[in-house]
C-alpha atoms as a PDB file:
ATOM      1  CA  MET A   1      -0.648   2.999  -3.657  1.00  0.00           C
ATOM      2  CA  ARG A   2       0.874   6.594  -3.569  1.00  0.00           C
ATOM      3  CA  VAL A   3       0.166   8.063  -7.294  1.00  0.00           C
ATOM      4  CA  ILE A   4       2.934  10.242  -9.098  1.00  0.00           C
ATOM      5  CA  ARG A   5       1.782  11.919 -12.439  1.00  0.00           C
ATOM      6  CA  LYS A   6       4.502  12.709 -14.708  1.00  0.00           C
ATOM      7  CA  TYR A   7       3.830  15.712 -17.341  1.00  0.00           C
ATOM      8  CA  ALA A   8       4.816  16.622 -20.632  1.00  0.00           C
ATOM      9  CA  ASN A   9       7.333  18.605 -19.046  1.00  0.00           C
ATOM     10  CA  ARG A  10       9.083  15.804 -17.255  1.00  0.00           C
ATOM     11  CA  ARG A  11       7.712  17.053 -14.034  1.00  0.00           C
ATOM     12  CA  LEU A  12       6.650  14.786 -11.553  1.00  0.00           C
ATOM     13  CA  TYR A  13       3.342  15.806  -9.110  1.00  0.00           C
ATOM     14  CA  ASP A  14       3.039  13.737  -5.856  1.00  0.00           C
ATOM     15  CA  THR A  15      -0.645  13.730  -5.811  1.00  0.00           C
ATOM     16  CA  GLU A  16      -0.919  12.708  -1.971  1.00  0.00           C
ATOM     17  CA  GLN A  17       1.544  15.329  -0.864  1.00  0.00           C
ATOM     18  CA  SER A  18       0.171  17.721  -3.839  1.00  0.00           C
ATOM     19  CA  ARG A  19       3.457  18.827  -4.595  1.00  0.00           C
ATOM     20  CA  TYR A  20       6.114  18.424  -7.312  1.00  0.00           C
ATOM     21  CA  VAL A  21       8.966  15.651  -6.524  1.00  0.00           C
ATOM     22  CA  THR A  22      11.910  14.654  -8.165  1.00  0.00           C
ATOM     23  CA  LEU A  23      13.838  11.159  -9.111  1.00  0.00           C
ATOM     24  CA  GLU A  24      15.702  11.786  -5.893  1.00  0.00           C
ATOM     25  CA  ASP A  25      12.785  12.274  -3.925  1.00  0.00           C
ATOM     26  CA  LEU A  26      11.009   8.708  -5.591  1.00  0.00           C
ATOM     27  CA  ARG A  27      14.602   7.157  -4.881  1.00  0.00           C
ATOM     28  CA  SER A  28      13.813   7.847  -1.019  1.00  0.00           C
ATOM     29  CA  LEU A  29      10.537   6.715  -0.684  1.00  0.00           C
ATOM     30  CA  ILE A  30      11.744   2.971  -2.629  1.00  0.00           C
ATOM     31  CA  ILE A  31      14.061   3.235   0.502  1.00  0.00           C
ATOM     32  CA  GLU A  32      11.633   3.527   3.039  1.00  0.00           C
ATOM     33  CA  GLU A  33       9.859   0.692   0.939  1.00  0.00           C
ATOM     34  CA  VAL A  34       6.720   3.144   0.290  1.00  0.00           C
ATOM     35  CA  PRO A  35       4.626   1.827  -2.670  1.00  0.00           C
ATOM     36  CA  PHE A  36       4.247   4.358  -5.654  1.00  0.00           C
ATOM     37  CA  ARG A  37       2.792   4.213  -9.301  1.00  0.00           C
ATOM     38  CA  VAL A  38       3.972   6.760 -11.807  1.00  0.00           C
ATOM     39  CA  GLU A  39       1.469   7.395 -14.710  1.00  0.00           C
ATOM     40  CA  ASP A  40       1.221   9.584 -17.294  1.00  0.00           C
ATOM     41  CA  ALA A  41      -0.757  12.785 -16.879  1.00  0.00           C
ATOM     42  CA  LYS A  42      -2.860  12.427 -19.846  1.00  0.00           C
ATOM     43  CA  SER A  43      -3.223   9.018 -20.979  1.00  0.00           C
ATOM     44  CA  GLY A  44      -3.130   7.250 -17.229  1.00  0.00           C
ATOM     45  CA  GLU A  45      -0.055   4.847 -18.757  1.00  0.00           C
ATOM     46  CA  ASP A  46       2.338   3.527 -16.242  1.00  0.00           C
ATOM     47  CA  LEU A  47       5.195   5.064 -16.682  1.00  0.00           C
ATOM     48  CA  THR A  48       6.828   3.371 -13.076  1.00  0.00           C
ATOM     49  CA  ARG A  49       9.238   0.840 -14.862  1.00  0.00           C
ATOM     50  CA  THR A  50      10.585   4.012 -17.062  1.00  0.00           C
ATOM     51  CA  ILE A  51      11.434   6.266 -13.955  1.00  0.00           C
ATOM     52  CA  LEU A  52      12.653   3.392 -12.107  1.00  0.00           C
ATOM     53  CA  LEU A  53      15.326   2.820 -14.794  1.00  0.00           C
ATOM     54  CA  SER A  54      15.661   6.718 -14.750  1.00  0.00           C
ATOM     55  CA  ILE A  55      16.642   6.619 -11.014  1.00  0.00           C
ATOM     56  CA  ILE A  56      19.147   3.704 -11.703  1.00  0.00           C
ATOM     57  CA  ILE A  57      20.766   5.440 -14.478  1.00  0.00           C
ATOM     58  CA  GLU A  58      21.430   8.847 -12.547  1.00  0.00           C
ATOM     59  CA  GLN A  59      22.862   6.286  -9.932  1.00  0.00           C
ATOM     60  CA  GLU A  60      24.879   4.439 -11.916  1.00  0.00           C
ATOM     61  CA  GLN A  61      26.176   8.456 -13.616  1.00  0.00           C
ATOM     62  CA  SER A  62      26.655   9.148  -9.565  1.00  0.00           C
ATOM     63  CA  GLY A  63      30.165   7.309  -9.920  1.00  0.00           C
ATOM     64  CA  GLY A  64      32.082   6.573  -7.024  1.00  0.00           C
ATOM     65  CA  ASP A  65      31.089   3.116  -4.658  1.00  0.00           C
ATOM     66  CA  SER A  66      27.957   3.264  -6.345  1.00  0.00           C
ATOM     67  CA  GLU A  67      27.960   1.883  -9.780  1.00  0.00           C
ATOM     68  CA  VAL A  68      26.244  -1.708 -10.116  1.00  0.00           C
ATOM     69  CA  PHE A  69      26.059  -2.148 -13.951  1.00  0.00           C
ATOM     70  CA  SER A  70      29.815  -2.544 -15.560  1.00  0.00           C
ATOM     71  CA  ASN A  71      29.506  -2.230 -19.587  1.00  0.00           C
ATOM     72  CA  ASP A  72      30.190  -5.910 -20.116  1.00  0.00           C
ATOM     73  CA  LEU A  73      27.137  -6.696 -17.435  1.00  0.00           C
ATOM     74  CA  LEU A  74      25.020  -4.244 -19.776  1.00  0.00           C
ATOM     75  CA  ALA A  75      25.960  -5.529 -23.009  1.00  0.00           C
ATOM     76  CA  GLN A  76      25.099  -9.204 -21.894  1.00  0.00           C
ATOM     77  CA  PHE A  77      21.672  -7.996 -21.049  1.00  0.00           C
ATOM     78  CA  ILE A  78      21.109  -6.460 -24.587  1.00  0.00           C
ATOM     79  CA  ARG A  79      22.649  -9.909 -25.476  1.00  0.00           C
ATOM     80  CA  VAL A  80      19.834 -11.307 -23.796  1.00  0.00           C
ATOM     81  CA  TYR A  81      17.149  -9.853 -25.173  1.00  0.00           C
ATOM     82  CA  ASP A  82      18.409 -10.336 -28.823  1.00  0.00           C
ATOM     83  CA  MET A  83      17.905 -14.188 -27.712  1.00  0.00           C
ATOM     84  CA  ALA A  84      15.589 -16.358 -29.666  1.00  0.00           C
ATOM     85  CA  GLN A  85      14.240 -17.690 -26.259  1.00  0.00           C
ATOM     86  CA  PRO A  86      15.477 -15.230 -23.594  1.00  0.00           C
ATOM     87  CA  LEU A  87      16.733 -16.361 -19.900  1.00  0.00           C
ATOM     88  CA  PRO A  88      14.178 -16.114 -17.378  1.00  0.00           C
ATOM     89  CA  LEU A  89      16.613 -13.141 -16.361  1.00  0.00           C
ATOM     90  CA  ALA A  90      14.153 -10.888 -14.089  1.00  0.00           C
ATOM     91  CA  ARG A  91      13.364 -13.693 -12.068  1.00  0.00           C
ATOM     92  CA  TYR A  92      16.530 -15.156 -11.467  1.00  0.00           C
ATOM     93  CA  LEU A  93      17.927 -11.311 -11.242  1.00  0.00           C
ATOM     94  CA  GLU A  94      14.975 -10.418  -8.481  1.00  0.00           C
ATOM     95  CA  GLN A  95      14.982 -13.516  -6.419  1.00  0.00           C
ATOM     96  CA  GLY A  96      19.078 -13.229  -6.338  1.00  0.00           C
ATOM     97  CA  THR A  97      18.696 -10.098  -5.084  1.00  0.00           C
ATOM     98  CA  GLN A  98      16.557 -10.423  -2.873  1.00  0.00           C
ATOM     99  CA  LEU A  99      18.669 -13.318  -1.280  1.00  0.00           C
ATOM    100  CA  MET A 100      21.734 -10.843  -1.297  1.00  0.00           C
ATOM    101  CA  MET A 101      19.307  -8.385   0.513  1.00  0.00           C
ATOM    102  CA  GLU A 102      17.931 -11.143   3.516  1.00  0.00           C
ATOM    103  CA  GLN A 103      21.862 -12.122   3.895  1.00  0.00           C
ATOM    104  CA  GLN A 104      23.188  -8.831   4.210  1.00  0.00           C
ATOM    105  CA  GLN A 105      20.516  -7.866   6.313  1.00  0.00           C
ATOM    106  CA  ARG A 106      21.143 -11.212   8.782  1.00  0.00           C
ATOM    107  CA  MET A 107      24.906 -10.235   8.560  1.00  0.00           C
ATOM    108  CA  GLN A 108      23.973  -6.849   9.801  1.00  0.00           C
ATOM    109  CA  ASP A 109      21.788  -7.566  12.786  1.00  0.00           C
ATOM    110  CA  GLN A 110      24.213 -10.417  13.841  1.00  0.00           C
ATOM    111  CA  TRP A 111      27.023  -8.041  13.791  1.00  0.00           C
ATOM    112  CA  LYS A 112      24.772  -5.545  16.134  1.00  0.00           C
ATOM    113  CA  GLU A 113      24.402  -8.341  18.339  1.00  0.00           C
ATOM    114  CA  ALA A 114      27.713  -9.456  18.813  1.00  0.00           C
ATOM    115  CA  MET A 115      28.541  -5.558  19.173  1.00  0.00           C
ATOM    116  CA  ARG A 116      25.997  -5.306  21.723  1.00  0.00           C
ATOM    117  CA  HIS A 117      28.050  -7.816  23.837  1.00  0.00           C
ATOM    118  CA  THR A 118      31.290  -5.923  24.249  1.00  0.00           C
ATOM    119  CA  PRO A 119      33.244  -6.105  27.317  1.00  0.00           C
ATOM    120  CA  MET A 120      31.792  -2.918  28.818  1.00  0.00           C
ATOM    121  CA  GLU A 121      28.522  -3.851  27.969  1.00  0.00           C
ATOM    122  CA  MET A 122      28.435  -7.133  29.805  1.00  0.00           C
ATOM    123  CA  MET A 123      30.031  -4.931  32.490  1.00  0.00           C
ATOM    124  CA  ARG A 124      27.038  -2.506  32.583  1.00  0.00           C
ATOM    125  CA  GLU A 125      24.559  -5.658  32.724  1.00  0.00           C
ATOM    126  CA  MET A 126      26.411  -7.318  35.230  1.00  0.00           C
ATOM    127  CA  ALA A 127      26.174  -4.106  37.536  1.00  0.00           C
ATOM    128  CA  GLU A 128      22.651  -3.684  36.869  1.00  0.00           C
ATOM    129  CA  GLU A 129      22.061  -7.162  37.726  1.00  0.00           C
ATOM    130  CA  ASN A 130      23.441  -6.539  41.120  1.00  0.00           C
ATOM    131  CA  MET A 131      21.994  -3.460  41.664  1.00  0.00           C
ATOM    132  CA  ARG A 132      18.610  -4.953  40.650  1.00  0.00           C
ATOM    133  CA  PHE A 133      19.601  -7.567  43.549  1.00  0.00           C
ATOM    134  CA  TRP A 134      20.854  -5.634  45.967  1.00  0.00           C
ATOM    135  CA  GLN A 135      17.970  -3.275  45.838  1.00  0.00           C
ATOM    136  CA  LYS A 136      15.093  -6.267  46.245  1.00  0.00           C
ATOM    137  CA  THR A 137      17.484  -7.278  49.254  1.00  0.00           C
ATOM    138  CA  PHE A 138      17.455  -3.852  51.094  1.00  0.00           C
ATOM    139  CA  GLN A 139      13.467  -3.475  50.275  1.00  0.00           C
ATOM    140  CA  GLN A 140      12.734  -6.844  52.267  1.00  0.00           C
ATOM    141  CA  GLY A 141      14.075  -5.624  55.308  1.00  0.00           C
ATOM    142  CA  PRO A 142      16.098  -7.391  58.255  1.00  0.00           C
ATOM    143  CA  GLY A 143      13.580  -9.691  59.780  1.00  0.00           C
ATOM    144  CA  ASP A 144      11.953 -10.469  56.638  1.00  0.00           C
ATOM    145  CA  SER A 145      14.764 -13.082  55.506  1.00  0.00           C
ATOM    146  CA  HIS A 146      13.068 -16.225  56.522  1.00  0.00           C
ATOM    147  CA  LYS A 147       9.404 -14.921  54.722  1.00  0.00           C
ATOM    148  CA  ASP A 148       8.518 -16.451  51.426  1.00  0.00           C
ATOM    149  CA  ASP A 149       6.889 -14.294  48.535  1.00  0.00           C
ATOM    150  CA  THR A 150       3.438 -14.900  50.601  1.00  0.00           C
ATOM    151  CA  GLY A 151       4.607 -13.486  53.697  1.00  0.00           C
ATOM    152  CA  SER A 152       4.401 -16.591  55.722  1.00  0.00           C
ATOM    153  CA  ASP A 153       7.203 -17.833  58.074  1.00  0.00           C
ATOM    154  CA  LYS A 154       9.445 -20.504  56.281  1.00  0.00           C
ATOM    155  CA  SER A 155      10.912 -21.314  59.949  1.00  0.00           C
ATOM    156  CA  ARG A 156       7.818 -22.191  61.544  1.00  0.00           C
ATOM    157  CA  ASP A 157       6.236 -24.033  58.601  1.00  0.00           C
ATOM    158  CA  LYS A 158       9.124 -26.898  59.253  1.00  0.00           C
ATOM    159  CA  ASP A 159       7.717 -27.637  62.858  1.00  0.00           C
END
């Protein structure tokens, strides 16, 4: 697991690559599914969760279509923390998000497969198949038409 150290000056240092990194660099690691742990350089305290929340905040503030959390949803999250017996929200969100991502990947895979079989692609595949057939046919030669794969003459074997 890659270790990222956070220093008092708020800079993040990637110990594997021996260089300072940004939240955007860590976001890229997340997308690439590279496991990492962020720890305080002095105490060794695990700060990963705090950094992940910072990455989410940065994405939410970037605007556009990347906003995931509405004000109402964030207020509801805060209310969950104040409940006498909080809901198992983390588990529900993790499982729901995982299911949604798997379904999205499945849809993308199916779309790619469907697009693979466009009329032009089908024509190309048929042309390649025909080309292989004719190449195989012409490689056998005129006198080889009665011979099987072992080289014996089929017409003589019938007698």
